[in-house]
N, C-alpha and C. Protein backbone atom coordinates (compact mmCIF):
# COMPACT_ATOMS: atom_id res chain seq x y z
N MET A 1 109.78 47.33 -86.05
CA MET A 1 109.39 47.90 -87.33
C MET A 1 110.31 49.08 -87.61
N ARG A 2 110.73 49.16 -88.86
CA ARG A 2 111.61 50.23 -89.30
C ARG A 2 110.99 50.95 -90.48
N ALA A 3 111.30 52.24 -90.56
CA ALA A 3 110.85 53.03 -91.71
C ALA A 3 111.96 54.00 -92.10
N LEU A 4 112.18 54.10 -93.38
CA LEU A 4 113.04 55.13 -93.94
C LEU A 4 112.10 56.15 -94.57
N VAL A 5 112.14 57.37 -94.04
CA VAL A 5 111.18 58.41 -94.41
C VAL A 5 111.90 59.50 -95.18
N GLN A 6 111.35 59.86 -96.33
CA GLN A 6 111.92 60.95 -97.12
C GLN A 6 110.82 61.95 -97.45
N ARG A 7 111.10 63.22 -97.14
CA ARG A 7 110.18 64.28 -97.56
C ARG A 7 110.41 64.48 -99.05
N VAL A 8 109.33 64.47 -99.82
CA VAL A 8 109.47 64.50 -101.27
C VAL A 8 108.62 65.59 -101.91
N VAL A 9 109.07 66.02 -103.07
CA VAL A 9 108.29 66.90 -103.94
C VAL A 9 107.29 66.05 -104.71
N ARG A 10 107.74 64.85 -105.11
CA ARG A 10 106.88 63.86 -105.76
C ARG A 10 107.57 62.51 -105.66
N ALA A 11 106.77 61.44 -105.78
CA ALA A 11 107.31 60.08 -105.75
C ALA A 11 106.34 59.16 -106.46
N ALA A 12 106.90 58.13 -107.08
CA ALA A 12 106.08 57.14 -107.78
C ALA A 12 106.75 55.78 -107.70
N VAL A 13 105.93 54.74 -107.74
CA VAL A 13 106.44 53.38 -107.73
C VAL A 13 105.80 52.61 -108.89
N THR A 14 106.65 51.87 -109.60
CA THR A 14 106.17 50.98 -110.66
C THR A 14 106.47 49.55 -110.24
N SER A 15 105.70 48.62 -110.79
CA SER A 15 105.83 47.22 -110.44
C SER A 15 105.89 46.39 -111.72
N ARG A 16 106.72 45.36 -111.70
CA ARG A 16 106.83 44.48 -112.86
C ARG A 16 105.65 43.51 -112.87
N THR A 17 105.00 43.41 -114.00
CA THR A 17 103.86 42.51 -114.14
C THR A 17 104.33 41.12 -114.54
N GLY A 18 103.41 40.18 -114.59
CA GLY A 18 103.74 38.80 -114.96
C GLY A 18 104.34 38.66 -116.34
N ASP A 19 103.99 39.57 -117.26
CA ASP A 19 104.53 39.49 -118.62
C ASP A 19 105.82 40.30 -118.78
N GLY A 20 106.34 40.84 -117.66
CA GLY A 20 107.62 41.54 -117.71
C GLY A 20 107.54 43.03 -117.96
N THR A 21 106.35 43.55 -118.19
CA THR A 21 106.21 44.99 -118.39
C THR A 21 106.11 45.69 -117.04
N TRP A 22 106.33 46.99 -117.06
CA TRP A 22 106.27 47.79 -115.83
C TRP A 22 105.02 48.65 -115.87
N VAL A 23 104.34 48.75 -114.71
CA VAL A 23 103.14 49.57 -114.61
C VAL A 23 103.22 50.40 -113.32
N GLU A 24 102.85 51.67 -113.43
CA GLU A 24 102.83 52.51 -112.24
C GLU A 24 101.67 52.07 -111.35
N VAL A 25 101.98 51.82 -110.08
CA VAL A 25 100.94 51.35 -109.14
C VAL A 25 100.64 52.38 -108.06
N GLY A 26 101.47 53.40 -107.92
CA GLY A 26 101.21 54.43 -106.92
C GLY A 26 102.06 55.65 -107.15
N SER A 27 101.49 56.83 -106.88
CA SER A 27 102.26 58.06 -106.99
C SER A 27 101.64 59.13 -106.10
N ILE A 28 102.48 60.06 -105.67
CA ILE A 28 102.02 61.20 -104.88
C ILE A 28 102.75 62.45 -105.36
N GLY A 29 102.20 63.60 -105.00
CA GLY A 29 102.90 64.86 -105.14
C GLY A 29 103.71 65.09 -103.88
N ALA A 30 103.69 66.31 -103.36
CA ALA A 30 104.45 66.63 -102.15
C ALA A 30 103.94 65.82 -100.96
N GLY A 31 104.87 65.32 -100.16
CA GLY A 31 104.50 64.53 -98.99
C GLY A 31 105.67 63.72 -98.50
N LEU A 32 105.38 62.49 -98.09
CA LEU A 32 106.41 61.59 -97.58
C LEU A 32 106.45 60.31 -98.39
N CYS A 33 107.65 59.88 -98.74
CA CYS A 33 107.87 58.55 -99.29
C CYS A 33 108.43 57.73 -98.14
N VAL A 34 107.74 56.64 -97.81
CA VAL A 34 108.10 55.85 -96.63
C VAL A 34 108.34 54.40 -97.03
N PHE A 35 109.55 53.94 -96.82
CA PHE A 35 109.89 52.53 -97.01
C PHE A 35 109.74 51.87 -95.64
N VAL A 36 108.92 50.82 -95.56
CA VAL A 36 108.61 50.20 -94.27
C VAL A 36 109.01 48.74 -94.29
N GLY A 37 109.72 48.33 -93.22
CA GLY A 37 110.10 46.93 -93.05
C GLY A 37 109.64 46.42 -91.71
N ALA A 38 109.36 45.12 -91.66
CA ALA A 38 108.91 44.49 -90.42
C ALA A 38 109.86 43.35 -90.07
N THR A 39 109.95 43.10 -88.77
CA THR A 39 110.73 41.97 -88.27
C THR A 39 109.78 41.00 -87.57
N HIS A 40 110.31 39.87 -87.14
CA HIS A 40 109.51 38.76 -86.62
C HIS A 40 108.65 39.11 -85.41
N SER A 41 109.13 39.98 -84.54
CA SER A 41 108.41 40.29 -83.31
C SER A 41 107.41 41.43 -83.45
N ASP A 42 107.31 42.04 -84.61
CA ASP A 42 106.38 43.16 -84.80
C ASP A 42 104.94 42.65 -84.80
N ASP A 43 104.03 43.53 -84.33
CA ASP A 43 102.62 43.16 -84.29
C ASP A 43 101.76 44.36 -84.72
N GLU A 44 100.44 44.16 -84.73
CA GLU A 44 99.53 45.22 -85.19
C GLU A 44 99.61 46.48 -84.34
N ALA A 45 99.81 46.32 -83.05
CA ALA A 45 99.92 47.50 -82.17
C ALA A 45 101.12 48.35 -82.58
N LEU A 46 102.21 47.71 -82.92
CA LEU A 46 103.40 48.43 -83.35
C LEU A 46 103.17 49.12 -84.70
N ALA A 47 102.47 48.44 -85.60
CA ALA A 47 102.16 49.04 -86.90
C ALA A 47 101.27 50.27 -86.72
N THR A 48 100.33 50.20 -85.80
CA THR A 48 99.47 51.34 -85.49
C THR A 48 100.29 52.50 -84.93
N ARG A 49 101.23 52.19 -84.05
CA ARG A 49 102.12 53.23 -83.50
C ARG A 49 102.98 53.86 -84.58
N MET A 50 103.46 53.05 -85.53
CA MET A 50 104.29 53.57 -86.62
C MET A 50 103.47 54.56 -87.45
N ALA A 51 102.24 54.22 -87.75
CA ALA A 51 101.39 55.12 -88.53
C ALA A 51 101.19 56.44 -87.79
N GLY A 52 100.96 56.37 -86.49
CA GLY A 52 100.79 57.59 -85.69
C GLY A 52 102.05 58.43 -85.67
N LYS A 53 103.19 57.78 -85.59
CA LYS A 53 104.47 58.49 -85.61
C LYS A 53 104.67 59.20 -86.95
N LEU A 54 104.37 58.50 -88.03
CA LEU A 54 104.49 59.11 -89.36
C LEU A 54 103.54 60.28 -89.53
N TRP A 55 102.30 60.14 -89.07
CA TRP A 55 101.29 61.18 -89.19
C TRP A 55 101.70 62.44 -88.43
N GLY A 56 102.35 62.28 -87.29
CA GLY A 56 102.71 63.41 -86.45
C GLY A 56 104.13 63.91 -86.59
N LEU A 57 104.92 63.27 -87.47
CA LEU A 57 106.33 63.63 -87.63
C LEU A 57 106.46 65.04 -88.22
N ARG A 58 107.09 65.92 -87.48
CA ARG A 58 107.18 67.34 -87.89
C ARG A 58 108.40 67.57 -88.76
N VAL A 59 108.21 67.38 -90.07
CA VAL A 59 109.31 67.53 -91.02
C VAL A 59 108.98 68.50 -92.16
N PHE A 60 107.83 69.17 -92.05
CA PHE A 60 107.45 70.14 -93.07
C PHE A 60 107.61 71.55 -92.50
N ASP A 61 108.04 72.48 -93.36
CA ASP A 61 108.32 73.84 -92.93
C ASP A 61 107.06 74.60 -92.56
N ASP A 62 107.18 75.40 -91.51
CA ASP A 62 106.12 76.34 -91.17
C ASP A 62 106.37 77.64 -91.93
N ASP A 63 105.65 78.70 -91.59
CA ASP A 63 105.79 79.97 -92.31
C ASP A 63 107.16 80.62 -92.14
N GLU A 64 107.89 80.24 -91.09
CA GLU A 64 109.23 80.78 -90.85
C GLU A 64 110.33 79.87 -91.41
N GLY A 65 109.95 78.81 -92.10
CA GLY A 65 110.93 77.91 -92.68
C GLY A 65 111.51 76.90 -91.69
N VAL A 66 110.85 76.72 -90.55
CA VAL A 66 111.29 75.77 -89.54
C VAL A 66 110.46 74.49 -89.68
N MET A 67 111.11 73.33 -89.59
CA MET A 67 110.37 72.06 -89.68
C MET A 67 109.52 71.90 -88.42
N ASN A 68 108.30 72.39 -88.51
CA ASN A 68 107.40 72.42 -87.38
C ASN A 68 106.03 71.85 -87.69
N ARG A 69 105.84 71.40 -88.94
CA ARG A 69 104.53 70.91 -89.35
C ARG A 69 104.60 69.43 -89.72
N SER A 70 103.50 68.75 -89.50
CA SER A 70 103.41 67.33 -89.80
C SER A 70 102.36 67.10 -90.88
N LEU A 71 102.23 65.87 -91.32
CA LEU A 71 101.14 65.53 -92.24
C LEU A 71 99.80 65.96 -91.67
N ALA A 72 99.64 65.82 -90.37
CA ALA A 72 98.38 66.19 -89.71
C ALA A 72 98.09 67.68 -89.86
N ASP A 73 99.12 68.48 -90.03
CA ASP A 73 98.95 69.92 -90.16
C ASP A 73 98.71 70.39 -91.58
N LEU A 74 98.95 69.51 -92.54
CA LEU A 74 98.80 69.88 -93.95
C LEU A 74 97.36 69.64 -94.40
N ASP A 75 96.92 70.41 -95.38
CA ASP A 75 95.57 70.23 -95.91
C ASP A 75 95.42 68.89 -96.61
N ALA A 76 96.42 68.49 -97.34
CA ALA A 76 96.35 67.24 -98.10
C ALA A 76 97.65 66.47 -97.90
N GLY A 77 97.77 65.80 -96.76
CA GLY A 77 98.97 65.03 -96.49
C GLY A 77 99.01 63.79 -97.36
N ALA A 78 100.09 63.63 -98.13
CA ALA A 78 100.23 62.49 -99.03
C ALA A 78 101.40 61.62 -98.60
N VAL A 79 101.21 60.31 -98.70
CA VAL A 79 102.25 59.35 -98.32
C VAL A 79 102.30 58.25 -99.37
N LEU A 80 103.51 57.92 -99.81
CA LEU A 80 103.74 56.74 -100.63
C LEU A 80 104.41 55.71 -99.73
N VAL A 81 103.74 54.59 -99.48
CA VAL A 81 104.27 53.54 -98.62
C VAL A 81 104.73 52.38 -99.50
N VAL A 82 106.00 52.00 -99.31
CA VAL A 82 106.58 50.90 -100.08
C VAL A 82 107.17 49.90 -99.10
N SER A 83 106.73 48.64 -99.18
CA SER A 83 107.30 47.61 -98.31
C SER A 83 108.76 47.40 -98.67
N GLN A 84 109.60 47.18 -97.66
CA GLN A 84 111.04 47.14 -97.90
C GLN A 84 111.70 46.20 -96.90
N PHE A 85 111.73 44.90 -97.21
CA PHE A 85 112.34 43.94 -96.29
C PHE A 85 113.83 44.19 -96.13
N THR A 86 114.47 44.84 -97.09
CA THR A 86 115.93 45.05 -97.01
C THR A 86 116.32 46.01 -95.90
N LEU A 87 115.34 46.71 -95.29
CA LEU A 87 115.67 47.55 -94.13
C LEU A 87 116.19 46.70 -92.97
N TYR A 88 115.92 45.40 -93.00
CA TYR A 88 116.43 44.50 -91.98
C TYR A 88 117.64 43.70 -92.45
N GLY A 89 118.30 44.18 -93.50
CA GLY A 89 119.53 43.52 -93.95
C GLY A 89 120.65 43.75 -92.94
N ASP A 90 121.33 42.69 -92.57
CA ASP A 90 122.44 42.77 -91.63
C ASP A 90 123.75 42.69 -92.41
N THR A 91 124.53 43.75 -92.35
CA THR A 91 125.79 43.81 -93.09
C THR A 91 127.00 43.78 -92.16
N SER A 92 126.80 43.29 -90.94
CA SER A 92 127.89 43.32 -89.96
C SER A 92 128.99 42.30 -90.25
N LYS A 93 128.68 41.27 -91.03
CA LYS A 93 129.68 40.25 -91.36
C LYS A 93 129.72 40.06 -92.86
N GLY A 94 130.90 39.97 -93.38
CA GLY A 94 131.07 39.69 -94.80
C GLY A 94 130.59 40.82 -95.69
N ARG A 95 130.37 40.47 -96.96
CA ARG A 95 129.96 41.48 -97.93
C ARG A 95 128.56 41.25 -98.45
N ARG A 96 127.95 40.13 -98.08
CA ARG A 96 126.59 39.84 -98.53
C ARG A 96 125.65 40.00 -97.35
N PRO A 97 124.61 40.84 -97.50
CA PRO A 97 123.68 41.04 -96.39
C PRO A 97 122.94 39.76 -96.02
N SER A 98 122.63 39.64 -94.75
CA SER A 98 121.80 38.55 -94.26
C SER A 98 120.39 39.12 -94.06
N TRP A 99 119.38 38.36 -94.44
CA TRP A 99 117.99 38.82 -94.34
C TRP A 99 117.24 38.13 -93.22
N VAL A 100 117.93 37.45 -92.29
CA VAL A 100 117.24 36.68 -91.25
C VAL A 100 116.40 37.57 -90.33
N GLY A 101 116.72 38.85 -90.22
CA GLY A 101 115.95 39.75 -89.36
C GLY A 101 114.64 40.20 -89.97
N ALA A 102 114.48 40.02 -91.26
CA ALA A 102 113.25 40.46 -91.94
C ALA A 102 112.14 39.45 -91.73
N ALA A 103 110.95 39.95 -91.47
CA ALA A 103 109.79 39.07 -91.31
C ALA A 103 109.44 38.42 -92.63
N ARG A 104 108.91 37.22 -92.57
CA ARG A 104 108.42 36.54 -93.77
C ARG A 104 107.25 37.34 -94.35
N PRO A 105 107.03 37.26 -95.64
CA PRO A 105 105.96 38.05 -96.28
C PRO A 105 104.58 37.86 -95.65
N GLU A 106 104.27 36.64 -95.28
CA GLU A 106 102.94 36.39 -94.69
C GLU A 106 102.76 37.07 -93.33
N HIS A 107 103.85 37.38 -92.65
CA HIS A 107 103.79 38.13 -91.39
C HIS A 107 103.85 39.63 -91.65
N ALA A 108 104.71 40.04 -92.59
CA ALA A 108 104.95 41.46 -92.83
C ALA A 108 103.81 42.14 -93.58
N GLU A 109 103.22 41.48 -94.55
CA GLU A 109 102.21 42.13 -95.39
C GLU A 109 101.04 42.70 -94.60
N PRO A 110 100.43 41.94 -93.68
CA PRO A 110 99.33 42.53 -92.90
C PRO A 110 99.76 43.71 -92.05
N LEU A 111 101.02 43.73 -91.61
CA LEU A 111 101.51 44.84 -90.79
C LEU A 111 101.67 46.10 -91.64
N ILE A 112 102.21 45.95 -92.83
CA ILE A 112 102.34 47.09 -93.74
C ILE A 112 100.95 47.60 -94.11
N GLU A 113 100.03 46.68 -94.37
CA GLU A 113 98.64 47.07 -94.68
C GLU A 113 98.01 47.82 -93.51
N ARG A 114 98.37 47.45 -92.29
CA ARG A 114 97.85 48.13 -91.10
C ARG A 114 98.36 49.56 -91.04
N VAL A 115 99.64 49.77 -91.34
CA VAL A 115 100.20 51.12 -91.38
C VAL A 115 99.42 51.96 -92.38
N VAL A 116 99.20 51.41 -93.57
CA VAL A 116 98.46 52.12 -94.62
C VAL A 116 97.04 52.44 -94.17
N ALA A 117 96.35 51.47 -93.60
CA ALA A 117 94.96 51.68 -93.16
C ALA A 117 94.88 52.75 -92.09
N GLU A 118 95.81 52.74 -91.16
CA GLU A 118 95.82 53.75 -90.09
C GLU A 118 96.07 55.14 -90.66
N LEU A 119 97.04 55.26 -91.56
CA LEU A 119 97.30 56.56 -92.17
C LEU A 119 96.06 57.08 -92.89
N ARG A 120 95.38 56.21 -93.60
CA ARG A 120 94.14 56.61 -94.29
C ARG A 120 93.07 57.03 -93.29
N SER A 121 92.99 56.35 -92.17
CA SER A 121 91.98 56.70 -91.16
C SER A 121 92.25 58.08 -90.56
N PHE A 122 93.51 58.51 -90.56
CA PHE A 122 93.86 59.85 -90.08
C PHE A 122 93.50 60.93 -91.10
N GLY A 123 93.33 60.52 -92.35
CA GLY A 123 93.00 61.47 -93.40
C GLY A 123 94.07 61.64 -94.46
N ALA A 124 95.12 60.85 -94.37
CA ALA A 124 96.19 60.94 -95.37
C ALA A 124 95.74 60.34 -96.70
N THR A 125 96.24 60.92 -97.78
CA THR A 125 96.12 60.32 -99.10
C THR A 125 97.30 59.36 -99.21
N VAL A 126 97.01 58.07 -99.37
CA VAL A 126 98.08 57.07 -99.35
C VAL A 126 98.10 56.29 -100.66
N ALA A 127 99.28 56.23 -101.26
CA ALA A 127 99.53 55.36 -102.40
C ALA A 127 100.51 54.30 -101.92
N THR A 128 100.51 53.15 -102.58
CA THR A 128 101.38 52.06 -102.14
C THR A 128 102.07 51.39 -103.31
N GLY A 129 103.09 50.65 -102.96
CA GLY A 129 103.71 49.75 -103.90
C GLY A 129 102.89 48.47 -103.94
N ARG A 130 103.43 47.44 -104.53
CA ARG A 130 102.75 46.16 -104.63
C ARG A 130 103.62 45.12 -103.94
N PHE A 131 103.08 44.51 -102.91
CA PHE A 131 103.83 43.54 -102.11
C PHE A 131 104.22 42.34 -102.96
N ARG A 132 105.40 41.78 -102.69
CA ARG A 132 105.93 40.58 -103.33
C ARG A 132 106.13 40.74 -104.84
N THR A 133 106.42 41.95 -105.28
CA THR A 133 106.78 42.15 -106.69
C THR A 133 108.08 42.93 -106.75
N GLU A 134 108.71 42.88 -107.89
CA GLU A 134 109.86 43.72 -108.13
C GLU A 134 109.34 45.13 -108.40
N MET A 135 109.92 46.12 -107.73
CA MET A 135 109.44 47.49 -107.87
C MET A 135 110.59 48.42 -108.19
N GLN A 136 110.24 49.55 -108.80
CA GLN A 136 111.17 50.65 -109.01
C GLN A 136 110.51 51.91 -108.44
N VAL A 137 111.28 52.64 -107.64
CA VAL A 137 110.75 53.84 -106.99
C VAL A 137 111.52 55.04 -107.52
N GLU A 138 110.77 56.04 -107.94
CA GLU A 138 111.35 57.32 -108.36
C GLU A 138 110.87 58.38 -107.40
N LEU A 139 111.79 59.22 -106.96
CA LEU A 139 111.38 60.29 -106.05
C LEU A 139 112.29 61.48 -106.18
N VAL A 140 111.75 62.63 -105.82
CA VAL A 140 112.53 63.85 -105.72
C VAL A 140 112.52 64.23 -104.25
N ASN A 141 113.65 64.03 -103.59
CA ASN A 141 113.77 64.31 -102.17
C ASN A 141 113.77 65.82 -101.97
N ASP A 142 112.99 66.28 -101.03
CA ASP A 142 112.83 67.71 -100.75
C ASP A 142 113.66 68.09 -99.54
N GLY A 143 114.65 68.89 -99.72
CA GLY A 143 115.47 69.38 -98.59
C GLY A 143 116.95 69.21 -98.80
N PRO A 144 117.50 68.02 -98.87
CA PRO A 144 116.87 66.73 -98.68
C PRO A 144 116.60 66.45 -97.20
N VAL A 145 115.48 65.80 -96.95
CA VAL A 145 115.13 65.36 -95.60
C VAL A 145 114.93 63.86 -95.65
N THR A 146 115.76 63.13 -94.91
CA THR A 146 115.65 61.68 -94.82
C THR A 146 115.88 61.27 -93.37
N LEU A 147 114.94 60.49 -92.83
CA LEU A 147 115.01 60.05 -91.44
C LEU A 147 114.77 58.55 -91.34
N THR A 148 115.35 57.94 -90.33
CA THR A 148 115.08 56.55 -90.02
C THR A 148 114.27 56.48 -88.73
N LEU A 149 113.17 55.75 -88.77
CA LEU A 149 112.36 55.51 -87.58
C LEU A 149 112.44 54.05 -87.21
N GLU A 150 112.58 53.77 -85.94
CA GLU A 150 112.57 52.39 -85.48
C GLU A 150 111.76 52.32 -84.20
N LEU A 151 110.77 51.44 -84.21
CA LEU A 151 109.91 51.26 -83.02
C LEU A 151 110.04 49.84 -82.54
């Protein structure tokens, strides 16, 4: 499982509907915007670990301006989780990415949902994108802070 994590001032995701219009499906204020991808060998235990890692990731400033605080330390930790199969794009050959490393939607969707459920159980305010739709994500990166997690 992979995640691209960005500390944000705000973030929002819109999704294209069946009639071609765009509708906002999730938004947060300050917190983390997390793009999550799954591969074939990932399971629920790994998704649970990913949620714990995100919850405890110390990327927020303390009173001295040092990144020493996590979502767990904030009063209202907010996370926007967006499924992102392209995190498993392989660009090692040619110019067109290969997606063979990405899990099929029927395998990946429950794992992403598990990450979301775990974060909510910790007390995070979680907004999400919409699986299997075309999405647009807007965010204001804070810092900028961007990290890649791989479990």
